[in-house]
Structure formats: C-alpha cells, structure tokens
Amino acid sequence: MKVTLITHTPQPEKVVAAAAKLCYSDQVDIETLMQSLDDEDAVSAFVHKLMTMHHESPLEHVSFTFGIEGVSRSFLAQITRHRVASFSVRSQRYCSEDAPAFITPKPIDRDSAQKDEFANAMQAAWMSYNQLVEMGAAKEDARAVLPNACETRMLVTMNARELLHFFSLRCCTRAQLEIRTVANEMLKVCREVAPTIFEHAGAACDQLGYCPEGNMSCGRKMTLEEVLKLAKANESVDNGTADFSLHVATSAWLIPPEKCAKTATKPSKETPCQWTRHLRPDGR
C-alpha cells in the first residue's frame, strides 16, 4: 500500500481564512483581503477559531489529491461511498488482468492455513479469467470472476471538509484495517500541509470525547448513552449540574466559561486536546 499527496490547494489555511473573513467584510475587496493575511501565525489562530466554532463551509474551498496504490477493490468499494469526492481508477474493462495481482488481508496473511486457502482461491479465479479471455470473452465480461482482493490503484480528490468526515469514520478502530491504514496515512500528510485544519482530525471518538457507535463501540471510549447515564447518576440537586469530570478530545464538548465550574482546566502542552469540564446532564 502506498499513499502519495499528488497536489493540494496552495496555502490552504490562508484560503480558508480568506473565505471565512469574506463573509463578514463589509467594504474590503478580495485582493486587499488576501494581502491582509500574510501573517502565518494570525492565519493559524483564526483558522483554529473557525475549527472550534465548527464553521466548516470555508474548508470546502481547499482540496487535496492523493495517489493510492496497492489496495484491493474491497477498499475501492468502501472509499467510493464517500460521495463528495472525485475518483479515477484503473479500469478492468480496458486493462488486462492476465497476471494475478491481489491483496491478502493481513489477518488472513498471519494464519498459514487461511493464507493457503486464500491463495488457492486466487489461483482458481485467475485461471478462470484467462480461460474465458482465451475463449473469446471480452475483458469487461471475464472480469466478473475476479475477486474483491484484486489489486488496484487510483487518484482521489476530496475537499478538507469531506476529509474531516472521512477521517472521523475511517480512522475508527471499527473500520476495516486496509482502509484504516490508508486513512491514517492520508491524515499524516494532510497534517504536514495544513496542521491547524487537521489538528484534531481522526476517529470520531477522539473529536467528540465519546463513541458515537452505540452498542457497536470498541470500548475505547464511553458511548454517549454511557456519558449521559453517568451524568444523570451524578446530577446535583442544587444547580442541575453534574459533579463529575469528563475528559474530551476537542471543542465539540467545550462549554462557555460561564457554564463551567471554576475548577475547569485549560489544555496543557502535554495534553493539548484534553479539557476537564463539569457538564450538565443534557451535555450543554
């Protein structure tokens, strides 16, 4: 598997900042607006503010194009479910598949008996494919016998807002290992280019501070139901607040200072994404 960032919008965080500021600029023309954004630290601070406010529409002006190689068509079926994206994929209609090229899932690869059975199935599939082509079948028809394991490569373009959504689902431990590995590699290179935009990107539970998967949770974080149940159990009769502390990953659970207990702590350098808050039972 190989992930390469082919290209991206130049100065992505400056573009995002400009798009957001334009919404609130009365008289400033766009050229002047762009010139006012030369201070990288100021741009980073403003984009950080946008992210904590969840003002995400400006992110759609920034796009990233990746080259992805050495993945299966199972991966292709999963990534193309993300509809706000553009895909160009090696065609099985026009490209010959006469030489076996397939991806063995790592859990199967680690079991010798499963690996042998898998290899036998791959050999049988390609034998049937080549026999059909020799008999005169078109490649577009013969490919029907090929497995989901068939290796492929593609170019994928997504805007930053869609990438955040993609990462929230595919960096999750419940995502299949192959697409989770690719998603983590994509996130890694995105952070190098736009560190503020993707500062808190990743699995949904790392952004929310709780798992949104309900009874399908892997158990790494409490589910929302568990959080609310705990809040209710600890509800204070006096002021309707919960007297327990909950560590959360990002601003999705941040509460305005006037609603927080005085013991609330700001993030440290060691744990920049963790805040301790005394939450209301309704999560507000």
Foldseek 3Di string as FASTA:
>chain_A
DDKDFPDKDPPLLLQLLLVVVVVVDDDDDSVVSSVVSPPPVVSLVSLLVCVLVVVCPSLQVMKIKMKDFFAFLVLVVVVVVLPQKDKDKDDQQPDPCLDADFDDQPVQVVDVVSVVVVVVLSVVLSVQLVVCVVVPDGSVVSCVSHDRRGTIIMMMMHGLVSLLVVQQPLCAPPHRPRSNVVNVVVLVVVCVRPVSSSVQRHHVCLAFVADCPPPVDPPPGHHPVVVLVQFVVQADPPPQWGPAWGWHFASNLPDPPVPWDPPWDAADPVRNRTIITTAGSVSD
